[in-house]
């Protein structure tokens, strides 16, 4: 049989473990909610992608964020790609200006 001190220690460790699991779930939910809000904000801003043609690349990075892939082509042309939620956004750029954008379903 457990002594009173051992029983209290076991109870305290159990409660600590339950609290950590609860905290972890709340933190995960908070992170998922923040990510969903960010995706919704970006996709709302992209309702009319044609308005981004002719915009500076820096403006795109303000709206879509800095986490993008860069691919370079000849004569100063390049693409910037963002994976946001279930879509992939590709900006075709030349110099420091966006020439056009595409929004495609994301391929996993």
PDB file of N, CA and C in Angstrom:
ATOM      1  N   UNK A   1       0.830  -1.167   0.000  1.00  0.00           N
ATOM      2  CA  UNK A   1       0.000   0.000   0.000  1.00  0.00           C
ATOM      3  C   UNK A   1       0.890   1.252   0.000  1.00  0.00           C
ATOM      4  N   UNK A   2       0.421   2.287  -0.682  1.00  0.00           N
ATOM      5  CA  UNK A   2       1.191   3.522  -0.791  1.00  0.00           C
ATOM      6  C   UNK A   2       1.077   4.352   0.477  1.00  0.00           C
ATOM      7  N   UNK A   3       2.154   4.994   0.801  1.00  0.00           N
ATOM      8  CA  UNK A   3       2.112   5.919   1.935  1.00  0.00           C
ATOM      9  C   UNK A   3       1.399   7.195   1.495  1.00  0.00           C
ATOM     10  N   UNK A   4       1.045   8.010   2.428  1.00  0.00           N
ATOM     11  CA  UNK A   4       0.336   9.253   2.130  1.00  0.00           C
ATOM     12  C   UNK A   4       1.188  10.166   1.253  1.00  0.00           C
ATOM     13  N   UNK A   5       2.464  10.260   1.532  1.00  0.00           N
ATOM     14  CA  UNK A   5       3.360  11.116   0.745  1.00  0.00           C
ATOM     15  C   UNK A   5       3.465  10.608  -0.689  1.00  0.00           C
ATOM     16  N   UNK A   6       3.553   9.300  -0.861  1.00  0.00           N
ATOM     17  CA  UNK A   6       3.639   8.719  -2.204  1.00  0.00           C
ATOM     18  C   UNK A   6       2.344   8.946  -2.964  1.00  0.00           C
ATOM     19  N   UNK A   7       1.225   8.795  -2.277  1.00  0.00           N
ATOM     20  CA  UNK A   7      -0.073   9.007  -2.914  1.00  0.00           C
ATOM     21  C   UNK A   7      -0.223  10.465  -3.354  1.00  0.00           C
ATOM     22  N   UNK A   8       0.197  11.392  -2.507  1.00  0.00           N
ATOM     23  CA  UNK A   8       0.116  12.810  -2.860  1.00  0.00           C
ATOM     24  C   UNK A   8       1.034  13.141  -4.034  1.00  0.00           C
ATOM     25  N   UNK A   9       2.223  12.560  -4.049  1.00  0.00           N
ATOM     26  CA  UNK A   9       3.152  12.784  -5.152  1.00  0.00           C
ATOM     27  C   UNK A   9       2.579  12.232  -6.453  1.00  0.00           C
ATOM     28  N   UNK A  10       2.011  11.038  -6.398  1.00  0.00           N
ATOM     29  CA  UNK A  10       1.398  10.431  -7.579  1.00  0.00           C
ATOM     30  C   UNK A  10       0.239  11.288  -8.079  1.00  0.00           C
ATOM     31  N   UNK A  11      -0.585  11.786  -7.154  1.00  0.00           N
ATOM     32  CA  UNK A  11      -1.706  12.650  -7.515  1.00  0.00           C
ATOM     33  C   UNK A  11      -1.203  13.940  -8.170  1.00  0.00           C
ATOM     34  N   UNK A  12      -0.169  14.551  -7.582  1.00  0.00           N
ATOM     35  CA  UNK A  12       0.377  15.796  -8.124  1.00  0.00           C
ATOM     36  C   UNK A  12       0.958  15.586  -9.520  1.00  0.00           C
ATOM     37  N   UNK A  13       1.662  14.487  -9.720  1.00  0.00           N
ATOM     38  CA  UNK A  13       2.230  14.199 -11.043  1.00  0.00           C
ATOM     39  C   UNK A  13       1.134  13.932 -12.070  1.00  0.00           C
ATOM     40  N   UNK A  14       0.088  13.242 -11.653  1.00  0.00           N
ATOM     41  CA  UNK A  14      -1.042  12.980 -12.551  1.00  0.00           C
ATOM     42  C   UNK A  14      -1.708  14.291 -12.956  1.00  0.00           C
ATOM     43  N   UNK A  15      -1.937  15.168 -11.995  1.00  0.00           N
ATOM     44  CA  UNK A  15      -2.569  16.454 -12.287  1.00  0.00           C
ATOM     45  C   UNK A  15      -1.675  17.307 -13.193  1.00  0.00           C
ATOM     46  N   UNK A  16      -0.379  17.274 -12.948  1.00  0.00           N
ATOM     47  CA  UNK A  16       0.555  18.011 -13.796  1.00  0.00           C
ATOM     48  C   UNK A  16       0.510  17.479 -15.226  1.00  0.00           C
ATOM     49  N   UNK A  17       0.488  16.170 -15.368  1.00  0.00           N
ATOM     50  CA  UNK A  17       0.404  15.560 -16.694  1.00  0.00           C
ATOM     51  C   UNK A  17      -0.877  15.954 -17.412  1.00  0.00           C
ATOM     52  N   UNK A  18      -2.004  15.930 -16.709  1.00  0.00           N
ATOM     53  CA  UNK A  18      -3.280  16.327 -17.314  1.00  0.00           C
ATOM     54  C   UNK A  18      -3.266  17.803 -17.709  1.00  0.00           C
ATOM     55  N   UNK A  19      -2.669  18.636 -16.867  1.00  0.00           N
ATOM     56  CA  UNK A  19      -2.587  20.053 -17.181  1.00  0.00           C
ATOM     57  C   UNK A  19      -1.724  20.282 -18.424  1.00  0.00           C
ATOM     58  N   UNK A  20      -0.608  19.556 -18.532  1.00  0.00           N
ATOM     59  CA  UNK A  20       0.269  19.703 -19.705  1.00  0.00           C
ATOM     60  C   UNK A  20      -0.436  19.268 -20.984  1.00  0.00           C
ATOM     61  N   UNK A  21      -1.192  18.186 -20.923  1.00  0.00           N
ATOM     62  CA  UNK A  21      -1.943  17.729 -22.099  1.00  0.00           C
ATOM     63  C   UNK A  21      -2.977  18.781 -22.489  1.00  0.00           C
ATOM     64  N   UNK A  22      -3.684  19.311 -21.505  1.00  0.00           N
ATOM     65  CA  UNK A  22      -4.690  20.338 -21.765  1.00  0.00           C
ATOM     66  C   UNK A  22      -4.047  21.583 -22.367  1.00  0.00           C
ATOM     67  N   UNK A  23      -2.936  22.019 -21.811  1.00  0.00           N
ATOM     68  CA  UNK A  23      -2.240  23.197 -22.317  1.00  0.00           C
ATOM     69  C   UNK A  23      -1.767  22.969 -23.750  1.00  0.00           C
ATOM     70  N   UNK A  24      -1.247  21.786 -24.024  1.00  0.00           N
ATOM     71  CA  UNK A  24      -0.757  21.464 -25.363  1.00  0.00           C
ATOM     72  C   UNK A  24      -1.895  21.516 -26.381  1.00  0.00           C
ATOM     73  N   UNK A  25      -3.039  20.990 -26.018  1.00  0.00           N
ATOM     74  CA  UNK A  25      -4.194  21.020 -26.934  1.00  0.00           C
ATOM     75  C   UNK A  25      -4.649  22.450 -27.190  1.00  0.00           C
ATOM     76  N   UNK A  26      -4.692  23.260 -26.142  1.00  0.00           N
ATOM     77  CA  UNK A  26      -5.100  24.662 -26.315  1.00  0.00           C
ATOM     78  C   UNK A  26      -4.102  25.410 -27.191  1.00  0.00           C
ATOM     79  N   UNK A  27      -2.819  25.161 -26.974  1.00  0.00           N
ATOM     80  CA  UNK A  27      -1.795  25.823 -27.791  1.00  0.00           C
ATOM     81  C   UNK A  27      -1.911  25.386 -29.248  1.00  0.00           C
ATOM     82  N   UNK A  28      -2.163  24.103 -29.481  1.00  0.00           N
ATOM     83  CA  UNK A  28      -2.335  23.609 -30.845  1.00  0.00           C
ATOM     84  C   UNK A  28      -3.550  24.226 -31.516  1.00  0.00           C
ATOM     85  N   UNK A  29      -4.648  24.332 -30.771  1.00  0.00           N
ATOM     86  CA  UNK A  29      -5.861  24.939 -31.318  1.00  0.00           C
ATOM     87  C   UNK A  29      -5.643  26.420 -31.609  1.00  0.00           C
ATOM     88  N   UNK A  30      -4.936  27.106 -30.727  1.00  0.00           N
ATOM     89  CA  UNK A  30      -4.651  28.530 -30.923  1.00  0.00           C
ATOM     90  C   UNK A  30      -3.785  28.728 -32.172  1.00  0.00           C
ATOM     91  N   UNK A  31      -2.797  27.855 -32.358  1.00  0.00           N
ATOM     92  CA  UNK A  31      -1.928  27.935 -33.539  1.00  0.00           C
ATOM     93  C   UNK A  31      -2.735  27.674 -34.814  1.00  0.00           C
ATOM     94  N   UNK A  32      -3.591  26.652 -34.797  1.00  0.00           N
ATOM     95  CA  UNK A  32      -4.405  26.330 -35.973  1.00  0.00           C
ATOM     96  C   UNK A  32      -5.357  27.481 -36.299  1.00  0.00           C
ATOM     97  N   UNK A  33      -5.942  28.094 -35.279  1.00  0.00           N
ATOM     98  CA  UNK A  33      -6.859  29.212 -35.491  1.00  0.00           C
ATOM     99  C   UNK A  33      -6.115  30.413 -36.088  1.00  0.00           C
ATOM    100  N   UNK A  34      -4.926  30.704 -35.580  1.00  0.00           N
ATOM    101  CA  UNK A  34      -4.139  31.823 -36.108  1.00  0.00           C
ATOM    102  C   UNK A  34      -3.745  31.568 -37.564  1.00  0.00           C
ATOM    103  N   UNK A  35      -3.388  30.338 -37.869  1.00  0.00           N
ATOM    104  CA  UNK A  35      -3.015  29.986 -39.245  1.00  0.00           C
ATOM    105  C   UNK A  35      -4.216  30.123 -40.180  1.00  0.00           C
ATOM    106  N   UNK A  36      -5.385  29.662 -39.739  1.00  0.00           N
ATOM    107  CA  UNK A  36      -6.596  29.772 -40.555  1.00  0.00           C
ATOM    108  C   UNK A  36      -6.976  31.236 -40.782  1.00  0.00           C
ATOM    109  N   UNK A  37      -6.835  32.073 -39.760  1.00  0.00           N
ATOM    110  CA  UNK A  37      -7.136  33.499 -39.909  1.00  0.00           C
ATOM    111  C   UNK A  37      -6.182  34.154 -40.899  1.00  0.00           C
ATOM    112  N   UNK A  38      -4.913  33.795 -40.847  1.00  0.00           N
ATOM    113  CA  UNK A  38      -3.921  34.341 -41.779  1.00  0.00           C
ATOM    114  C   UNK A  38      -4.234  33.911 -43.211  1.00  0.00           C
ATOM    115  N   UNK A  39      -4.590  32.630 -43.402  1.00  0.00           N
ATOM    116  CA  UNK A  39      -4.943  32.142 -44.736  1.00  0.00           C
ATOM    117  C   UNK A  39      -6.173  32.863 -45.258  1.00  0.00           C
ATOM    118  N   UNK A  40      -7.178  33.046 -44.413  1.00  0.00           N
ATOM    119  CA  UNK A  40      -8.399  33.739 -44.830  1.00  0.00           C
ATOM    120  C   UNK A  40      -8.094  35.184 -45.218  1.00  0.00           C
ATOM    121  N   UNK A  41      -7.243  35.856 -44.457  1.00  0.00           N
ATOM    122  CA  UNK A  41      -6.877  37.242 -44.761  1.00  0.00           C
ATOM    123  C   UNK A  41      -6.194  37.336 -46.122  1.00  0.00           C
ATOM    124  N   UNK A  42      -5.277  36.414 -46.379  1.00  0.00           N
ATOM    125  CA  UNK A  42      -4.543  36.434 -47.647  1.00  0.00           C
ATOM    126  C   UNK A  42      -5.464  36.113 -48.812  1.00  0.00           C
ATOM    127  N   UNK A  43      -6.289  35.086 -48.668  1.00  0.00           N
ATOM    128  CA  UNK A  43      -7.167  34.701 -49.771  1.00  0.00           C
ATOM    129  C   UNK A  43      -8.220  35.773 -50.044  1.00  0.00           C
ATOM    130  N   UNK A  44      -8.658  36.474 -49.014  1.00  0.00           N
ATOM    131  CA  UNK A  44      -9.589  37.584 -49.216  1.00  0.00           C
ATOM    132  C   UNK A  44      -8.920  38.699 -50.010  1.00  0.00           C
ATOM    133  N   UNK A  45      -7.661  38.951 -49.731  1.00  0.00           N
ATOM    134  CA  UNK A  45      -6.926  39.993 -50.458  1.00  0.00           C
ATOM    135  C   UNK A  45      -6.711  39.619 -51.918  1.00  0.00           C
ATOM    136  N   UNK A  46      -6.814  38.334 -52.237  1.00  0.00           N
ATOM    137  CA  UNK A  46      -6.544  37.872 -53.604  1.00  0.00           C
ATOM    138  C   UNK A  46      -7.804  37.617 -54.415  1.00  0.00           C
ATOM    139  N   UNK A  47      -8.937  38.145 -53.980  1.00  0.00           N
ATOM    140  CA  UNK A  47     -10.179  37.913 -54.715  1.00  0.00           C
ATOM    141  C   UNK A  47     -10.030  38.360 -56.162  1.00  0.00           C
ATOM    142  N   UNK A  48      -9.409  39.478 -56.387  1.00  0.00           N
ATOM    143  CA  UNK A  48      -9.188  39.991 -57.740  1.00  0.00           C
ATOM    144  C   UNK A  48      -7.682  40.038 -57.996  1.00  0.00           C
ATOM    145  N   UNK A  49      -7.137  38.934 -58.521  1.00  0.00           N
ATOM    146  CA  UNK A  49      -5.683  38.869 -58.708  1.00  0.00           C
ATOM    147  C   UNK A  49      -5.187  39.825 -59.781  1.00  0.00           C
ATOM    148  N   UNK A  50      -6.059  40.250 -60.681  1.00  0.00           N
ATOM    149  CA  UNK A  50      -5.607  41.137 -61.756  1.00  0.00           C
ATOM    150  C   UNK A  50      -5.136  42.486 -61.219  1.00  0.00           C
ATOM    151  N   UNK A  51      -5.609  42.888 -60.046  1.00  0.00           N
ATOM    152  CA  UNK A  51      -5.177  44.183 -59.510  1.00  0.00           C
ATOM    153  C   UNK A  51      -3.718  44.158 -59.052  1.00  0.00           C
ATOM    154  N   UNK A  52      -3.116  42.978 -58.955  1.00  0.00           N
ATOM    155  CA  UNK A  52      -1.712  42.888 -58.553  1.00  0.00           C
ATOM    156  C   UNK A  52      -0.760  42.979 -59.737  1.00  0.00           C
ATOM    157  N   UNK A  53      -1.280  42.907 -60.958  1.00  0.00           N
ATOM    158  CA  UNK A  53      -0.425  43.087 -62.133  1.00  0.00           C
ATOM    159  C   UNK A  53       0.090  44.525 -62.134  1.00  0.00           C
ATOM    160  N   UNK A  54       1.373  44.675 -62.322  1.00  0.00           N
ATOM    161  CA  UNK A  54       1.988  45.991 -62.323  1.00  0.00           C
ATOM    162  C   UNK A  54       2.400  46.479 -60.947  1.00  0.00           C
ATOM    163  N   UNK A  55       2.069  45.728 -59.906  1.00  0.00           N
ATOM    164  CA  UNK A  55       2.436  46.113 -58.544  1.00  0.00           C
ATOM    165  C   UNK A  55       3.893  45.738 -58.271  1.00  0.00           C
ATOM    166  N   UNK A  56       4.559  46.467 -57.405  1.00  0.00           N
ATOM    167  CA  UNK A  56       5.924  46.090 -57.027  1.00  0.00           C
ATOM    168  C   UNK A  56       5.942  44.759 -56.272  1.00  0.00           C
ATOM    169  N   UNK A  57       7.016  44.025 -56.427  1.00  0.00           N
ATOM    170  CA  UNK A  57       7.166  42.738 -55.748  1.00  0.00           C
ATOM    171  C   UNK A  57       7.102  42.924 -54.233  1.00  0.00           C
ATOM    172  N   UNK A  58       7.622  44.035 -53.744  1.00  0.00           N
ATOM    173  CA  UNK A  58       7.576  44.291 -52.298  1.00  0.00           C
ATOM    174  C   UNK A  58       6.144  44.355 -51.790  1.00  0.00           C
ATOM    175  N   UNK A  59       5.241  44.890 -52.600  1.00  0.00           N
ATOM    176  CA  UNK A  59       3.821  44.953 -52.215  1.00  0.00           C
ATOM    177  C   UNK A  59       3.246  43.544 -52.092  1.00  0.00           C
ATOM    178  N   UNK A  60       3.614  42.658 -53.015  1.00  0.00           N
ATOM    179  CA  UNK A  60       3.150  41.265 -52.934  1.00  0.00           C
ATOM    180  C   UNK A  60       3.628  40.615 -51.650  1.00  0.00           C
ATOM    181  N   UNK A  61       4.881  40.861 -51.315  1.00  0.00           N
ATOM    182  CA  UNK A  61       5.431  40.262 -50.101  1.00  0.00           C
ATOM    183  C   UNK A  61       4.768  40.826 -48.850  1.00  0.00           C
ATOM    184  N   UNK A  62       4.314  42.081 -48.903  1.00  0.00           N
ATOM    185  CA  UNK A  62       3.561  42.637 -47.779  1.00  0.00           C
ATOM    186  C   UNK A  62       2.252  41.886 -47.589  1.00  0.00           C
ATOM    187  N   UNK A  63       1.567  41.615 -48.697  1.00  0.00           N
ATOM    188  CA  UNK A  63       0.253  40.973 -48.640  1.00  0.00           C
ATOM    189  C   UNK A  63       0.378  39.485 -48.355  1.00  0.00           C
ATOM    190  N   UNK A  64       1.287  38.809 -49.041  1.00  0.00           N
ATOM    191  CA  UNK A  64       1.367  37.350 -48.970  1.00  0.00           C
ATOM    192  C   UNK A  64       2.406  36.826 -47.991  1.00  0.00           C
ATOM    193  N   UNK A  65       3.319  37.662 -47.566  1.00  0.00           N
ATOM    194  CA  UNK A  65       4.352  37.220 -46.636  1.00  0.00           C
ATOM    195  C   UNK A  65       5.656  36.906 -47.349  1.00  0.00           C
ATOM    196  N   UNK A  66       6.710  36.801 -46.567  1.00  0.00           N
ATOM    197  CA  UNK A  66       8.051  36.570 -47.114  1.00  0.00           C
ATOM    198  C   UNK A  66       8.364  35.102 -47.362  1.00  0.00           C
ATOM    199  N   UNK A  67       7.535  34.206 -46.898  1.00  0.00           N
ATOM    200  CA  UNK A  67       7.813  32.770 -47.057  1.00  0.00           C
ATOM    201  C   UNK A  67       7.385  32.309 -48.446  1.00  0.00           C
ATOM    202  N   UNK A  68       8.253  32.539 -49.410  1.00  0.00           N
ATOM    203  CA  UNK A  68       7.941  32.149 -50.779  1.00  0.00           C
ATOM    204  C   UNK A  68       9.169  31.508 -51.414  1.00  0.00           C
ATOM    205  N   UNK A  69       8.900  30.723 -52.454  1.00  0.00           N
ATOM    206  CA  UNK A  69       9.988  30.126 -53.232  1.00  0.00           C
ATOM    207  C   UNK A  69      10.273  31.040 -54.425  1.00  0.00           C
ATOM    208  N   UNK A  70      11.533  31.169 -54.743  1.00  0.00           N
ATOM    209  CA  UNK A  70      11.986  32.031 -55.832  1.00  0.00           C
ATOM    210  C   UNK A  70      12.566  31.152 -56.926  1.00  0.00           C
ATOM    211  N   UNK A  71      12.128  31.373 -58.161  1.00  0.00           N
ATOM    212  CA  UNK A  71      12.697  30.673 -59.319  1.00  0.00           C
ATOM    213  C   UNK A  71      13.076  31.725 -60.353  1.00  0.00           C
ATOM    214  N   UNK A  72      14.308  31.676 -60.820  1.00  0.00           N
ATOM    215  CA  UNK A  72      14.811  32.678 -61.753  1.00  0.00           C
ATOM    216  C   UNK A  72      14.821  32.132 -63.179  1.00  0.00           C
ATOM    217  N   UNK A  73      14.535  33.015 -64.129  1.00  0.00           N
ATOM    218  CA  UNK A  73      14.597  32.687 -65.550  1.00  0.00           C
ATOM    219  C   UNK A  73      15.549  33.674 -66.223  1.00  0.00           C
ATOM    220  N   UNK A  74      15.661  33.600 -67.532  1.00  0.00           N
ATOM    221  CA  UNK A  74      16.534  34.515 -68.273  1.00  0.00           C
ATOM    222  C   UNK A  74      15.946  35.923 -68.336  1.00  0.00           C
ATOM    223  N   UNK A  75      16.794  36.879 -68.574  1.00  0.00           N
ATOM    224  CA  UNK A  75      16.422  38.270 -68.846  1.00  0.00           C
ATOM    225  C   UNK A  75      15.631  38.921 -67.711  1.00  0.00           C
ATOM    226  N   UNK A  76      15.963  38.595 -66.482  1.00  0.00           N
ATOM    227  CA  UNK A  76      15.351  39.266 -65.338  1.00  0.00           C
ATOM    228  C   UNK A  76      13.976  38.777 -64.937  1.00  0.00           C
ATOM    229  N   UNK A  77      13.472  37.740 -65.594  1.00  0.00           N
ATOM    230  CA  UNK A  77      12.155  37.211 -65.232  1.00  0.00           C
ATOM    231  C   UNK A  77      12.308  36.187 -64.106  1.00  0.00           C
ATOM    232  N   UNK A  78      11.319  36.140 -63.232  1.00  0.00           N
ATOM    233  CA  UNK A  78      11.348  35.169 -62.135  1.00  0.00           C
ATOM    234  C   UNK A  78       9.931  34.930 -61.622  1.00  0.00           C
ATOM    235  N   UNK A  79       9.775  33.872 -60.865  1.00  0.00           N
ATOM    236  CA  UNK A  79       8.489  33.602 -60.225  1.00  0.00           C
ATOM    237  C   UNK A  79       8.682  33.564 -58.717  1.00  0.00           C
ATOM    238  N   UNK A  80       7.636  33.918 -58.028  1.00  0.00           N
ATOM    239  CA  UNK A  80       7.548  33.753 -56.584  1.00  0.00           C
ATOM    240  C   UNK A  80       6.355  32.850 -56.327  1.00  0.00           C
ATOM    241  N   UNK A  81       6.539  31.833 -55.492  1.00  0.00           N
ATOM    242  CA  UNK A  81       5.463  30.877 -55.218  1.00  0.00           C
ATOM    243  C   UNK A  81       5.192  30.811 -53.725  1.00  0.00           C
ATOM    244  N   UNK A  82       3.912  30.853 -53.389  1.00  0.00           N
ATOM    245  CA  UNK A  82       3.470  30.704 -52.007  1.00  0.00           C
ATOM    246  C   UNK A  82       2.518  29.520 -51.933  1.00  0.00           C
ATOM    247  N   UNK A  83       2.643  28.703 -50.917  1.00  0.00           N
ATOM    248  CA  UNK A  83       1.677  27.644 -50.626  1.00  0.00           C
ATOM    249  C   UNK A  83       0.888  28.101 -49.414  1.00  0.00           C
ATOM    250  N   UNK A  84      -0.383  28.405 -49.632  1.00  0.00           N
ATOM    251  CA  UNK A  84      -1.230  28.927 -48.566  1.00  0.00           C
ATOM    252  C   UNK A  84      -2.485  28.077 -48.502  1.00  0.00           C
ATOM    253  N   UNK A  85      -2.629  27.359 -47.413  1.00  0.00           N
ATOM    254  CA  UNK A  85      -3.795  26.497 -47.267  1.00  0.00           C
ATOM    255  C   UNK A  85      -3.820  25.455 -48.368  1.00  0.00           C
ATOM    256  N   UNK A  86      -4.917  25.433 -49.096  1.00  0.00           N
ATOM    257  CA  UNK A  86      -5.091  24.447 -50.159  1.00  0.00           C
ATOM    258  C   UNK A  86      -4.797  25.010 -51.546  1.00  0.00           C
ATOM    259  N   UNK A  87      -4.207  26.194 -51.611  1.00  0.00           N
ATOM    260  CA  UNK A  87      -3.902  26.787 -52.913  1.00  0.00           C
ATOM    261  C   UNK A  87      -2.422  27.129 -53.026  1.00  0.00           C
ATOM    262  N   UNK A  88      -1.990  27.211 -54.265  1.00  0.00           N
ATOM    263  CA  UNK A  88      -0.630  27.646 -54.571  1.00  0.00           C
ATOM    264  C   UNK A  88      -0.758  28.929 -55.382  1.00  0.00           C
ATOM    265  N   UNK A  89      -0.047  29.952 -54.974  1.00  0.00           N
ATOM    266  CA  UNK A  89      -0.094  31.245 -55.647  1.00  0.00           C
ATOM    267  C   UNK A  89       1.242  31.445 -56.349  1.00  0.00           C
ATOM    268  N   UNK A  90       1.173  31.713 -57.646  1.00  0.00           N
ATOM    269  CA  UNK A  90       2.386  31.925 -58.440  1.00  0.00           C
ATOM    270  C   UNK A  90       2.329  33.329 -59.026  1.00  0.00           C
ATOM    271  N   UNK A  91       3.347  34.118 -58.746  1.00  0.00           N
ATOM    272  CA  UNK A  91       3.461  35.467 -59.303  1.00  0.00           C
ATOM    273  C   UNK A  91       4.579  35.453 -60.341  1.00  0.00           C
ATOM    274  N   UNK A  92       4.247  35.863 -61.547  1.00  0.00           N
ATOM    275  CA  UNK A  92       5.232  35.969 -62.620  1.00  0.00           C
ATOM    276  C   UNK A  92       5.738  37.404 -62.618  1.00  0.00           C
ATOM    277  N   UNK A  93       7.030  37.569 -62.441  1.00  0.00           N
ATOM    278  CA  UNK A  93       7.604  38.906 -62.241  1.00  0.00           C
ATOM    279  C   UNK A  93       8.755  39.162 -63.207  1.00  0.00           C
ATOM    280  N   UNK A  94       9.012  40.445 -63.424  1.00  0.00           N
ATOM    281  CA  UNK A  94      10.169  40.881 -64.211  1.00  0.00           C
ATOM    282  C   UNK A  94      10.681  42.158 -63.560  1.00  0.00           C
ATOM    283  N   UNK A  95      11.975  42.196 -63.311  1.00  0.00           N
ATOM    284  CA  UNK A  95      12.533  43.350 -62.606  1.00  0.00           C
ATOM    285  C   UNK A  95      12.005  43.381 -61.179  1.00  0.00           C
ATOM    286  N   UNK A  96      11.372  44.459 -60.811  1.00  0.00           N
ATOM    287  CA  UNK A  96      10.804  44.555 -59.460  1.00  0.00           C
ATOM    288  C   UNK A  96       9.287  44.655 -59.512  1.00  0.00           C
ATOM    289  N   UNK A  97       8.693  44.165 -60.620  1.00  0.00           N
ATOM    290  CA  UNK A  97       7.263  44.326 -60.834  1.00  0.00           C
ATOM    291  C   UNK A  97       6.592  42.989 -61.122  1.00  0.00           C
ATOM    292  N   UNK A  98       5.397  42.811 -60.590  1.00  0.00           N
ATOM    293  CA  UNK A  98       4.606  41.608 -60.859  1.00  0.00           C
ATOM    294  C   UNK A  98       3.888  41.785 -62.195  1.00  0.00           C
ATOM    295  N   UNK A  99       4.045  40.827 -63.107  1.00  0.00           N
ATOM    296  CA  UNK A  99       3.369  40.908 -64.398  1.00  0.00           C
ATOM    297  C   UNK A  99       2.014  40.218 -64.372  1.00  0.00           C
ATOM    298  N   UNK A 100       1.918  39.087 -63.675  1.00  0.00           N
ATOM    299  CA  UNK A 100       0.634  38.391 -63.558  1.00  0.00           C
ATOM    300  C   UNK A 100       0.701  37.412 -62.395  1.00  0.00           C
ATOM    301  N   UNK A 101      -0.479  36.922 -62.004  1.00  0.00           N
ATOM    302  CA  UNK A 101      -0.562  35.956 -60.907  1.00  0.00           C
ATOM    303  C   UNK A 101      -1.524  34.848 -61.282  1.00  0.00           C
ATOM    304  N   UNK A 102      -1.257  33.681 -60.718  1.00  0.00           N
ATOM    305  CA  UNK A 102      -2.151  32.537 -60.870  1.00  0.00           C
ATOM    306  C   UNK A 102      -2.424  31.957 -59.495  1.00  0.00           C
ATOM    307  N   UNK A 103      -3.641  31.490 -59.301  1.00  0.00           N
ATOM    308  CA  UNK A 103      -3.987  30.763 -58.082  1.00  0.00           C
ATOM    309  C   UNK A 103      -4.421  29.375 -58.520  1.00  0.00           C
ATOM    310  N   UNK A 104      -3.699  28.373 -58.066  1.00  0.00           N
ATOM    311  CA  UNK A 104      -3.935  26.990 -58.475  1.00  0.00           C
ATOM    312  C   UNK A 104      -4.231  26.125 -57.256  1.00  0.00           C
ATOM    313  N   UNK A 105      -5.004  25.038 -57.453  1.00  0.00           N
ATOM    314  CA  UNK A 105      -5.155  24.091 -56.341  1.00  0.00           C
ATOM    315  C   UNK A 105      -3.796  23.504 -56.002  1.00  0.00           C
ATOM    316  N   UNK A 106      -3.540  23.353 -54.743  1.00  0.00           N
ATOM    317  CA  UNK A 106      -2.233  22.854 -54.302  1.00  0.00           C
ATOM    318  C   UNK A 106      -2.134  21.360 -54.547  1.00  0.00           C
ATOM    319  N   UNK A 107      -1.043  20.957 -55.175  1.00  0.00           N
ATOM    320  CA  UNK A 107      -0.802  19.530 -55.405  1.00  0.00           C
ATOM    321  C   UNK A 107       0.086  19.009 -54.291  1.00  0.00           C
ATOM    322  N   UNK A 108      -0.360  17.965 -53.636  1.00  0.00           N
ATOM    323  CA  UNK A 108       0.417  17.417 -52.506  1.00  0.00           C
ATOM    324  C   UNK A 108       1.388  16.387 -52.958  1.00  0.00           C
TER     325      UNK A 108
END
